[in-house]
Amino acid sequence: MSPRAILHLVLHLLVPAAVARLGWRPRWRFAWGIMLTGLLIDLDHLLACPIFDPNRCSVGYHPLHTWPAVIGYLALTAIPRTRLVGTGLLIHIALDLTDCFWMKFF
């Protein structure tokens, strides 16, 4: 696994933790756990062939990484009961976009 891929995976754990600490301080562990459910959208990678391609940008390619899905994730943040899930999903997409940027320009 490349250093970029390892960093990408680590960020998928650390960024939600940092957001949880900042935004939900009294219950940050609970918030972090809920936000980590955003990792489940990577199950849509199982629909691709090959399942993993280090040179493929997942945003816009996989069904749960499309812009209509992102609009749904934004909507989830407007509802208090689903705000943490929506936040986790948006963090996931933002990190995947960052990875796409790095892939293209570096």
N, C-alpha and C. Protein backbone atom coordinates (compact mmCIF):
# COMPACT_ATOMS: atom_id res chain seq x y z
N MET A 1 0.85 -1.17 0.00
CA MET A 1 0.00 0.00 0.00
C MET A 1 0.89 1.23 0.00
N SER A 2 0.55 2.20 -0.81
CA SER A 2 1.37 3.40 -0.95
C SER A 2 1.23 4.31 0.27
N PRO A 3 2.23 5.16 0.49
CA PRO A 3 2.13 6.11 1.61
C PRO A 3 0.91 7.03 1.47
N ARG A 4 0.57 7.40 0.24
CA ARG A 4 -0.62 8.25 0.02
C ARG A 4 -1.88 7.53 0.47
N ALA A 5 -1.98 6.24 0.16
CA ALA A 5 -3.17 5.46 0.53
C ALA A 5 -3.25 5.31 2.05
N ILE A 6 -2.11 5.09 2.69
CA ILE A 6 -2.10 4.96 4.15
C ILE A 6 -2.53 6.28 4.79
N LEU A 7 -1.98 7.40 4.30
CA LEU A 7 -2.36 8.70 4.82
C LEU A 7 -3.85 8.94 4.64
N HIS A 8 -4.37 8.57 3.47
CA HIS A 8 -5.79 8.74 3.18
C HIS A 8 -6.65 7.97 4.20
N LEU A 9 -6.28 6.75 4.48
CA LEU A 9 -7.03 5.94 5.45
C LEU A 9 -6.94 6.51 6.86
N VAL A 10 -5.75 6.95 7.24
CA VAL A 10 -5.57 7.53 8.58
C VAL A 10 -6.41 8.80 8.73
N LEU A 11 -6.45 9.62 7.67
CA LEU A 11 -7.25 10.84 7.73
C LEU A 11 -8.73 10.53 7.87
N HIS A 12 -9.18 9.41 7.28
CA HIS A 12 -10.59 9.03 7.42
C HIS A 12 -10.94 8.71 8.88
N LEU A 13 -9.94 8.44 9.70
CA LEU A 13 -10.16 8.21 11.13
C LEU A 13 -9.94 9.47 11.95
N LEU A 14 -8.89 10.23 11.62
CA LEU A 14 -8.50 11.37 12.44
C LEU A 14 -9.36 12.62 12.23
N VAL A 15 -9.75 12.89 11.00
CA VAL A 15 -10.53 14.11 10.75
C VAL A 15 -11.90 14.04 11.44
N PRO A 16 -12.64 12.93 11.33
CA PRO A 16 -13.90 12.88 12.10
C PRO A 16 -13.67 12.99 13.61
N ALA A 17 -12.56 12.45 14.10
CA ALA A 17 -12.26 12.57 15.53
C ALA A 17 -12.05 14.03 15.91
N ALA A 18 -11.31 14.76 15.09
CA ALA A 18 -11.06 16.18 15.37
C ALA A 18 -12.37 16.98 15.31
N VAL A 19 -13.20 16.72 14.32
CA VAL A 19 -14.48 17.43 14.21
C VAL A 19 -15.37 17.09 15.40
N ALA A 20 -15.36 15.84 15.82
CA ALA A 20 -16.16 15.43 16.98
C ALA A 20 -15.68 16.15 18.24
N ARG A 21 -14.36 16.24 18.41
CA ARG A 21 -13.81 16.92 19.59
C ARG A 21 -14.18 18.39 19.60
N LEU A 22 -14.20 19.01 18.42
CA LEU A 22 -14.51 20.44 18.34
C LEU A 22 -16.00 20.73 18.46
N GLY A 23 -16.82 19.91 17.82
CA GLY A 23 -18.24 20.20 17.73
C GLY A 23 -19.13 19.53 18.75
N TRP A 24 -18.68 18.42 19.29
CA TRP A 24 -19.51 17.65 20.22
C TRP A 24 -18.67 17.24 21.43
N ARG A 25 -18.00 18.21 22.01
CA ARG A 25 -17.03 17.95 23.07
C ARG A 25 -17.52 17.05 24.20
N PRO A 26 -18.70 17.27 24.77
CA PRO A 26 -19.11 16.41 25.89
C PRO A 26 -19.30 14.94 25.48
N ARG A 27 -19.69 14.70 24.24
CA ARG A 27 -19.95 13.33 23.78
C ARG A 27 -19.14 13.04 22.53
N TRP A 28 -17.88 13.46 22.50
CA TRP A 28 -17.10 13.37 21.29
C TRP A 28 -16.87 11.93 20.85
N ARG A 29 -16.71 11.00 21.75
CA ARG A 29 -16.49 9.60 21.36
C ARG A 29 -17.72 9.03 20.66
N PHE A 30 -18.90 9.35 21.19
CA PHE A 30 -20.15 8.94 20.55
C PHE A 30 -20.26 9.56 19.17
N ALA A 31 -20.01 10.86 19.09
CA ALA A 31 -20.11 11.58 17.80
C ALA A 31 -19.12 11.00 16.80
N TRP A 32 -17.90 10.72 17.25
CA TRP A 32 -16.88 10.15 16.36
C TRP A 32 -17.33 8.79 15.84
N GLY A 33 -17.86 7.97 16.71
CA GLY A 33 -18.34 6.65 16.29
C GLY A 33 -19.44 6.73 15.25
N ILE A 34 -20.37 7.65 15.45
CA ILE A 34 -21.44 7.81 14.46
C ILE A 34 -20.87 8.33 13.15
N MET A 35 -19.97 9.30 13.22
CA MET A 35 -19.37 9.84 11.98
C MET A 35 -18.57 8.78 11.23
N LEU A 36 -17.99 7.84 11.94
CA LEU A 36 -17.23 6.78 11.27
C LEU A 36 -18.13 5.87 10.43
N THR A 37 -19.43 5.89 10.69
CA THR A 37 -20.33 5.10 9.85
C THR A 37 -20.30 5.61 8.41
N GLY A 38 -19.81 6.83 8.22
CA GLY A 38 -19.64 7.36 6.86
C GLY A 38 -18.69 6.52 6.01
N LEU A 39 -17.86 5.73 6.67
CA LEU A 39 -16.97 4.84 5.92
C LEU A 39 -17.74 3.75 5.18
N LEU A 40 -18.96 3.49 5.61
CA LEU A 40 -19.75 2.44 4.97
C LEU A 40 -20.10 2.76 3.52
N ILE A 41 -20.03 4.02 3.12
CA ILE A 41 -20.33 4.32 1.72
C ILE A 41 -19.27 3.74 0.79
N ASP A 42 -18.15 3.34 1.35
CA ASP A 42 -17.14 2.69 0.51
C ASP A 42 -17.55 1.29 0.07
N LEU A 43 -18.65 0.79 0.61
CA LEU A 43 -19.15 -0.51 0.14
C LEU A 43 -19.53 -0.45 -1.34
N ASP A 44 -19.80 0.76 -1.85
CA ASP A 44 -20.13 0.86 -3.28
C ASP A 44 -18.92 0.56 -4.17
N HIS A 45 -17.74 0.50 -3.59
CA HIS A 45 -16.56 0.11 -4.36
C HIS A 45 -16.67 -1.35 -4.81
N LEU A 46 -17.46 -2.12 -4.08
CA LEU A 46 -17.64 -3.53 -4.45
C LEU A 46 -18.36 -3.70 -5.79
N LEU A 47 -19.01 -2.65 -6.25
CA LEU A 47 -19.72 -2.69 -7.54
C LEU A 47 -18.80 -2.41 -8.72
N ALA A 48 -17.59 -1.94 -8.43
CA ALA A 48 -16.66 -1.56 -9.50
C ALA A 48 -15.77 -2.73 -9.89
N CYS A 49 -15.26 -2.66 -11.09
CA CYS A 49 -14.31 -3.66 -11.56
C CYS A 49 -13.12 -2.92 -12.17
N PRO A 50 -11.95 -3.00 -11.58
CA PRO A 50 -11.61 -3.71 -10.35
C PRO A 50 -12.19 -2.98 -9.12
N ILE A 51 -12.29 -3.72 -8.04
CA ILE A 51 -12.86 -3.16 -6.82
C ILE A 51 -12.02 -1.97 -6.34
N PHE A 52 -10.71 -2.11 -6.38
CA PHE A 52 -9.82 -1.02 -5.97
C PHE A 52 -8.88 -0.68 -7.10
N ASP A 53 -8.86 0.59 -7.45
CA ASP A 53 -7.92 1.10 -8.44
C ASP A 53 -7.29 2.34 -7.84
N PRO A 54 -5.99 2.29 -7.51
CA PRO A 54 -5.36 3.41 -6.83
C PRO A 54 -5.34 4.69 -7.66
N ASN A 55 -5.56 4.59 -8.95
CA ASN A 55 -5.53 5.75 -9.83
C ASN A 55 -6.92 6.22 -10.25
N ARG A 56 -7.95 5.76 -9.55
CA ARG A 56 -9.33 6.14 -9.90
C ARG A 56 -9.88 7.06 -8.81
N CYS A 57 -10.46 8.15 -9.22
CA CYS A 57 -11.12 9.07 -8.28
C CYS A 57 -12.50 8.49 -7.97
N SER A 58 -12.76 8.24 -6.71
CA SER A 58 -14.03 7.62 -6.35
C SER A 58 -15.19 8.60 -6.46
N VAL A 59 -14.93 9.90 -6.29
CA VAL A 59 -16.00 10.90 -6.35
C VAL A 59 -16.45 11.05 -7.81
N GLY A 60 -17.72 10.80 -8.01
CA GLY A 60 -18.29 10.86 -9.35
C GLY A 60 -18.27 9.52 -10.06
N TYR A 61 -17.58 8.54 -9.50
CA TYR A 61 -17.49 7.23 -10.14
C TYR A 61 -18.40 6.22 -9.46
N HIS A 62 -18.30 6.10 -8.16
CA HIS A 62 -19.10 5.14 -7.41
C HIS A 62 -20.46 5.75 -7.06
N PRO A 63 -21.53 4.95 -7.02
CA PRO A 63 -22.88 5.49 -6.82
C PRO A 63 -23.07 6.33 -5.55
N LEU A 64 -22.47 5.92 -4.45
CA LEU A 64 -22.63 6.68 -3.21
C LEU A 64 -21.64 7.83 -3.09
N HIS A 65 -20.85 8.04 -4.13
CA HIS A 65 -19.87 9.13 -4.18
C HIS A 65 -20.24 10.12 -5.29
N THR A 66 -21.50 10.19 -5.67
CA THR A 66 -21.93 11.10 -6.74
C THR A 66 -22.48 12.39 -6.14
N TRP A 67 -22.61 13.40 -6.98
CA TRP A 67 -23.09 14.70 -6.50
C TRP A 67 -24.53 14.64 -6.01
N PRO A 68 -25.44 13.89 -6.65
CA PRO A 68 -26.79 13.78 -6.07
C PRO A 68 -26.76 13.17 -4.66
N ALA A 69 -25.88 12.21 -4.44
CA ALA A 69 -25.74 11.63 -3.10
C ALA A 69 -25.23 12.67 -2.11
N VAL A 70 -24.29 13.50 -2.55
CA VAL A 70 -23.74 14.55 -1.68
C VAL A 70 -24.85 15.52 -1.26
N ILE A 71 -25.77 15.84 -2.17
CA ILE A 71 -26.90 16.70 -1.81
C ILE A 71 -27.73 16.04 -0.71
N GLY A 72 -27.92 14.73 -0.81
CA GLY A 72 -28.61 14.00 0.25
C GLY A 72 -27.86 14.06 1.57
N TYR A 73 -26.53 13.96 1.52
CA TYR A 73 -25.72 14.03 2.74
C TYR A 73 -25.83 15.41 3.37
N LEU A 74 -25.87 16.44 2.52
CA LEU A 74 -26.07 17.80 3.03
C LEU A 74 -27.43 17.92 3.73
N ALA A 75 -28.45 17.32 3.13
CA ALA A 75 -29.79 17.35 3.72
C ALA A 75 -29.79 16.67 5.09
N LEU A 76 -29.02 15.60 5.23
CA LEU A 76 -28.95 14.91 6.52
C LEU A 76 -28.42 15.81 7.63
N THR A 77 -27.54 16.75 7.29
CA THR A 77 -26.99 17.63 8.32
C THR A 77 -28.01 18.65 8.82
N ALA A 78 -29.09 18.86 8.07
CA ALA A 78 -30.12 19.82 8.47
C ALA A 78 -31.08 19.22 9.50
N ILE A 79 -31.07 17.92 9.64
CA ILE A 79 -31.98 17.24 10.56
C ILE A 79 -31.18 16.85 11.82
N PRO A 80 -31.57 17.35 12.98
CA PRO A 80 -30.77 17.08 14.18
C PRO A 80 -30.46 15.60 14.43
N ARG A 81 -31.42 14.73 14.21
CA ARG A 81 -31.21 13.30 14.50
C ARG A 81 -30.23 12.63 13.54
N THR A 82 -30.03 13.21 12.35
CA THR A 82 -29.13 12.60 11.37
C THR A 82 -27.91 13.48 11.09
N ARG A 83 -27.75 14.54 11.87
CA ARG A 83 -26.66 15.50 11.63
C ARG A 83 -25.28 14.84 11.69
N LEU A 84 -25.05 13.96 12.65
CA LEU A 84 -23.74 13.32 12.77
C LEU A 84 -23.44 12.41 11.59
N VAL A 85 -24.43 11.67 11.14
CA VAL A 85 -24.24 10.79 9.98
C VAL A 85 -23.92 11.63 8.75
N GLY A 86 -24.71 12.70 8.53
CA GLY A 86 -24.46 13.57 7.38
C GLY A 86 -23.09 14.22 7.44
N THR A 87 -22.69 14.63 8.62
CA THR A 87 -21.37 15.24 8.79
C THR A 87 -20.28 14.23 8.45
N GLY A 88 -20.42 13.01 8.94
CA GLY A 88 -19.44 11.97 8.63
C GLY A 88 -19.35 11.68 7.15
N LEU A 89 -20.50 11.64 6.49
CA LEU A 89 -20.52 11.39 5.04
C LEU A 89 -19.86 12.53 4.28
N LEU A 90 -20.14 13.77 4.68
CA LEU A 90 -19.52 14.91 4.00
C LEU A 90 -18.01 14.96 4.23
N ILE A 91 -17.58 14.61 5.42
CA ILE A 91 -16.13 14.53 5.69
C ILE A 91 -15.51 13.47 4.78
N HIS A 92 -16.17 12.34 4.65
CA HIS A 92 -15.67 11.26 3.80
C HIS A 92 -15.51 11.75 2.35
N ILE A 93 -16.54 12.41 1.83
CA ILE A 93 -16.48 12.90 0.46
C ILE A 93 -15.38 13.95 0.32
N ALA A 94 -15.26 14.85 1.29
CA ALA A 94 -14.22 15.88 1.24
C ALA A 94 -12.83 15.25 1.21
N LEU A 95 -12.61 14.23 2.02
CA LEU A 95 -11.31 13.55 2.02
C LEU A 95 -11.06 12.83 0.71
N ASP A 96 -12.11 12.22 0.15
CA ASP A 96 -11.95 11.56 -1.14
C ASP A 96 -11.65 12.58 -2.24
N LEU A 97 -12.27 13.75 -2.18
CA LEU A 97 -11.97 14.81 -3.15
C LEU A 97 -10.53 15.28 -3.03
N THR A 98 -10.08 15.39 -1.78
CA THR A 98 -8.69 15.77 -1.55
C THR A 98 -7.74 14.75 -2.16
N ASP A 99 -8.08 13.47 -2.00
CA ASP A 99 -7.27 12.41 -2.59
C ASP A 99 -7.27 12.51 -4.12
N CYS A 100 -8.42 12.83 -4.70
CA CYS A 100 -8.51 12.99 -6.15
C CYS A 100 -7.61 14.13 -6.62
N PHE A 101 -7.61 15.21 -5.86
CA PHE A 101 -6.75 16.36 -6.18
C PHE A 101 -5.28 15.95 -6.16
N TRP A 102 -4.88 15.27 -5.10
CA TRP A 102 -3.49 14.83 -4.97
C TRP A 102 -3.11 13.89 -6.11
N MET A 103 -4.05 13.01 -6.47
CA MET A 103 -3.80 12.06 -7.54
C MET A 103 -3.56 12.77 -8.87
N LYS A 104 -4.32 13.83 -9.10
CA LYS A 104 -4.25 14.51 -10.38
C LYS A 104 -3.04 15.42 -10.49
N PHE A 105 -2.69 16.10 -9.41
CA PHE A 105 -1.66 17.14 -9.50
C PHE A 105 -0.31 16.77 -8.89
N PHE A 106 -0.24 15.64 -8.18
CA PHE A 106 1.05 15.29 -7.57
C PHE A 106 1.41 13.85 -7.82
